[in-house]
Amino acid sequence: SNFNPPTTALPISGTGSTTYTPPGSLLGEMSLGTNPTWTGTTGVTASKIATGHYRTTFSSSYTNSTDYIITTSMNDYVPVTTAVGIGVSRFTSHADFFVNRVSDGVGIDTGSLAIDLYKK
């Protein structure tokens, strides 16, 4: 009952394209294949462990493996109608990604993973 909403528009500052990444977060894309590469936030090295098993190693370790969350999605796998499963295991110094076809569990070594690692 004591709230009086403003009658004019609030001031606008910044731009609609301004993005903020929390400190300690890493955002980018890892290409899959024999020699995977990382494009995005600096401080990440990509490597292949085995067929369908990839690793991103961080230049600075986290205190605990639960200090961050990861969201990831598959890009550019052909055919696009194939269901792909992505498993993620977190560690203090790196994260492992397991990329497989859902239909038969075969590891995938083509396309790329979009990876957003956000420090909590």
C-alpha atoms as a PDB file:
ATOM      1  CA  SER A   1       0.000   0.000   0.000  1.00  0.00           C
ATOM      2  CA  ASN A   2       2.985   2.349   0.413  1.00  0.00           C
ATOM      3  CA  PHE A   3       4.561   1.574  -2.989  1.00  0.00           C
ATOM      4  CA  ASN A   4       4.428   4.324  -5.597  1.00  0.00           C
ATOM      5  CA  PRO A   5       5.674   3.088  -8.962  1.00  0.00           C
ATOM      6  CA  PRO A   6       7.598   5.525 -11.172  1.00  0.00           C
ATOM      7  CA  THR A   7       5.542   7.277 -13.808  1.00  0.00           C
ATOM      8  CA  THR A   8       8.454   7.736 -16.257  1.00  0.00           C
ATOM      9  CA  ALA A   9      10.867   5.259 -17.808  1.00  0.00           C
ATOM     10  CA  LEU A  10      13.898   4.316 -15.767  1.00  0.00           C
ATOM     11  CA  PRO A  11      17.243   5.569 -17.123  1.00  0.00           C
ATOM     12  CA  ILE A  12      19.075   3.311 -19.536  1.00  0.00           C
ATOM     13  CA  SER A  13      22.794   2.687 -19.121  1.00  0.00           C
ATOM     14  CA  GLY A  14      25.076   0.267 -20.937  1.00  0.00           C
ATOM     15  CA  THR A  15      24.146  -1.511 -24.126  1.00  0.00           C
ATOM     16  CA  GLY A  16      22.104  -4.560 -24.971  1.00  0.00           C
ATOM     17  CA  SER A  17      25.238  -6.299 -26.210  1.00  0.00           C
ATOM     18  CA  THR A  18      27.163  -5.984 -22.940  1.00  0.00           C
ATOM     19  CA  THR A  19      27.885  -9.385 -21.417  1.00  0.00           C
ATOM     20  CA  TYR A  20      29.372 -10.229 -18.068  1.00  0.00           C
ATOM     21  CA  THR A  21      31.345 -13.378 -17.341  1.00  0.00           C
ATOM     22  CA  PRO A  22      31.846 -14.163 -13.654  1.00  0.00           C
ATOM     23  CA  PRO A  23      35.544 -14.218 -12.632  1.00  0.00           C
ATOM     24  CA  GLY A  24      37.056 -17.696 -12.881  1.00  0.00           C
ATOM     25  CA  SER A  25      34.612 -18.766 -15.594  1.00  0.00           C
ATOM     26  CA  LEU A  26      35.707 -20.237 -18.934  1.00  0.00           C
ATOM     27  CA  LEU A  27      33.608 -20.064 -22.104  1.00  0.00           C
ATOM     28  CA  GLY A  28      34.435 -21.501 -25.490  1.00  0.00           C
ATOM     29  CA  GLU A  29      34.333 -24.311 -27.996  1.00  0.00           C
ATOM     30  CA  MET A  30      36.405 -27.468 -28.331  1.00  0.00           C
ATOM     31  CA  SER A  31      36.760 -29.019 -31.767  1.00  0.00           C
ATOM     32  CA  LEU A  32      36.745 -32.822 -31.723  1.00  0.00           C
ATOM     33  CA  GLY A  33      39.152 -35.071 -33.594  1.00  0.00           C
ATOM     34  CA  THR A  34      42.762 -36.218 -33.525  1.00  0.00           C
ATOM     35  CA  ASN A  35      44.103 -32.793 -32.497  1.00  0.00           C
ATOM     36  CA  PRO A  36      41.312 -30.963 -30.667  1.00  0.00           C
ATOM     37  CA  THR A  37      41.553 -27.205 -30.288  1.00  0.00           C
ATOM     38  CA  TRP A  38      40.020 -24.714 -27.867  1.00  0.00           C
ATOM     39  CA  THR A  39      38.712 -21.339 -28.980  1.00  0.00           C
ATOM     40  CA  GLY A  40      37.378 -19.005 -26.343  1.00  0.00           C
ATOM     41  CA  THR A  41      38.515 -17.799 -22.933  1.00  0.00           C
ATOM     42  CA  THR A  42      42.274 -18.112 -22.492  1.00  0.00           C
ATOM     43  CA  GLY A  43      43.643 -20.564 -19.936  1.00  0.00           C
ATOM     44  CA  VAL A  44      42.248 -23.808 -21.399  1.00  0.00           C
ATOM     45  CA  THR A  45      44.059 -26.588 -23.268  1.00  0.00           C
ATOM     46  CA  ALA A  46      42.102 -29.242 -25.184  1.00  0.00           C
ATOM     47  CA  SER A  47      43.265 -32.840 -25.614  1.00  0.00           C
ATOM     48  CA  LYS A  48      41.945 -36.199 -26.790  1.00  0.00           C
ATOM     49  CA  ILE A  49      42.212 -39.107 -24.345  1.00  0.00           C
ATOM     50  CA  ALA A  50      40.528 -41.810 -26.461  1.00  0.00           C
ATOM     51  CA  THR A  51      37.775 -42.135 -29.064  1.00  0.00           C
ATOM     52  CA  GLY A  52      34.912 -39.943 -27.840  1.00  0.00           C
ATOM     53  CA  HIS A  53      36.811 -38.953 -24.655  1.00  0.00           C
ATOM     54  CA  TYR A  54      38.147 -35.391 -24.451  1.00  0.00           C
ATOM     55  CA  ARG A  55      39.714 -33.207 -21.770  1.00  0.00           C
ATOM     56  CA  THR A  56      39.949 -29.494 -21.089  1.00  0.00           C
ATOM     57  CA  THR A  57      42.847 -28.675 -18.765  1.00  0.00           C
ATOM     58  CA  PHE A  58      42.761 -25.398 -16.837  1.00  0.00           C
ATOM     59  CA  SER A  59      45.848 -23.204 -16.402  1.00  0.00           C
ATOM     60  CA  SER A  60      44.645 -22.418 -12.859  1.00  0.00           C
ATOM     61  CA  SER A  61      43.131 -25.188 -10.756  1.00  0.00           C
ATOM     62  CA  TYR A  62      39.984 -24.804  -8.687  1.00  0.00           C
ATOM     63  CA  THR A  63      39.998 -25.587  -4.970  1.00  0.00           C
ATOM     64  CA  ASN A  64      37.268 -28.233  -5.355  1.00  0.00           C
ATOM     65  CA  SER A  65      35.798 -30.004  -8.369  1.00  0.00           C
ATOM     66  CA  THR A  66      32.394 -28.693  -7.272  1.00  0.00           C
ATOM     67  CA  ASP A  67      33.504 -25.025  -7.449  1.00  0.00           C
ATOM     68  CA  TYR A  68      32.089 -24.727 -10.974  1.00  0.00           C
ATOM     69  CA  ILE A  69      29.266 -25.956 -13.184  1.00  0.00           C
ATOM     70  CA  ILE A  70      29.491 -26.917 -16.854  1.00  0.00           C
ATOM     71  CA  THR A  71      26.871 -26.743 -19.566  1.00  0.00           C
ATOM     72  CA  THR A  72      27.761 -28.195 -22.943  1.00  0.00           C
ATOM     73  CA  SER A  73      26.143 -28.973 -26.269  1.00  0.00           C
ATOM     74  CA  MET A  74      27.117 -30.730 -29.475  1.00  0.00           C
ATOM     75  CA  ASN A  75      27.731 -28.673 -32.615  1.00  0.00           C
ATOM     76  CA  ASP A  76      28.096 -29.695 -36.245  1.00  0.00           C
ATOM     77  CA  TYR A  77      27.836 -33.489 -35.901  1.00  0.00           C
ATOM     78  CA  VAL A  78      26.576 -35.106 -39.110  1.00  0.00           C
ATOM     79  CA  PRO A  79      23.960 -36.399 -39.509  1.00  0.00           C
ATOM     80  CA  VAL A  80      22.205 -33.801 -37.378  1.00  0.00           C
ATOM     81  CA  THR A  81      19.331 -36.201 -36.678  1.00  0.00           C
ATOM     82  CA  THR A  82      21.614 -38.449 -34.599  1.00  0.00           C
ATOM     83  CA  ALA A  83      21.027 -38.289 -30.849  1.00  0.00           C
ATOM     84  CA  VAL A  84      24.291 -37.543 -29.042  1.00  0.00           C
ATOM     85  CA  GLY A  85      25.010 -38.133 -25.366  1.00  0.00           C
ATOM     86  CA  ILE A  86      27.585 -36.001 -23.530  1.00  0.00           C
ATOM     87  CA  GLY A  87      28.888 -36.998 -20.112  1.00  0.00           C
ATOM     88  CA  VAL A  88      30.955 -34.587 -18.005  1.00  0.00           C
ATOM     89  CA  SER A  89      33.330 -35.400 -15.131  1.00  0.00           C
ATOM     90  CA  ARG A  90      34.722 -32.462 -13.117  1.00  0.00           C
ATOM     91  CA  PHE A  91      38.130 -32.325 -11.436  1.00  0.00           C
ATOM     92  CA  THR A  92      40.074 -29.466  -9.841  1.00  0.00           C
ATOM     93  CA  SER A  93      42.552 -29.169 -12.729  1.00  0.00           C
ATOM     94  CA  HIS A  94      40.487 -30.361 -15.696  1.00  0.00           C
ATOM     95  CA  ALA A  95      37.126 -31.596 -16.976  1.00  0.00           C
ATOM     96  CA  ASP A  96      36.535 -34.724 -19.049  1.00  0.00           C
ATOM     97  CA  PHE A  97      33.866 -35.034 -21.736  1.00  0.00           C
ATOM     98  CA  PHE A  98      32.500 -38.333 -23.032  1.00  0.00           C
ATOM     99  CA  VAL A  99      30.749 -37.903 -26.389  1.00  0.00           C
ATOM    100  CA  ASN A 100      28.795 -40.882 -27.756  1.00  0.00           C
ATOM    101  CA  ARG A 101      25.984 -41.763 -30.138  1.00  0.00           C
ATOM    102  CA  VAL A 102      22.971 -42.652 -28.016  1.00  0.00           C
ATOM    103  CA  SER A 103      21.868 -45.461 -30.368  1.00  0.00           C
ATOM    104  CA  ASP A 104      24.952 -47.649 -29.953  1.00  0.00           C
ATOM    105  CA  GLY A 105      27.365 -45.913 -27.541  1.00  0.00           C
ATOM    106  CA  VAL A 106      30.053 -45.410 -30.190  1.00  0.00           C
ATOM    107  CA  GLY A 107      32.419 -42.522 -29.406  1.00  0.00           C
ATOM    108  CA  ILE A 108      32.194 -39.418 -31.587  1.00  0.00           C
ATOM    109  CA  ASP A 109      35.288 -37.679 -32.955  1.00  0.00           C
ATOM    110  CA  THR A 110      33.756 -35.110 -35.323  1.00  0.00           C
ATOM    111  CA  GLY A 111      32.007 -31.816 -34.733  1.00  0.00           C
ATOM    112  CA  SER A 112      32.642 -29.690 -31.653  1.00  0.00           C
ATOM    113  CA  LEU A 113      31.413 -29.041 -28.127  1.00  0.00           C
ATOM    114  CA  ALA A 114      30.229 -25.658 -26.920  1.00  0.00           C
ATOM    115  CA  ILE A 115      31.391 -25.451 -23.286  1.00  0.00           C
ATOM    116  CA  ASP A 116      30.348 -22.926 -20.662  1.00  0.00           C
ATOM    117  CA  LEU A 117      32.122 -23.360 -17.331  1.00  0.00           C
ATOM    118  CA  TYR A 118      30.790 -21.009 -14.673  1.00  0.00           C
ATOM    119  CA  LYS A 119      32.555 -20.549 -11.364  1.00  0.00           C
ATOM    120  CA  LYS A 120      30.045 -20.623  -8.513  1.00  0.00           C
END
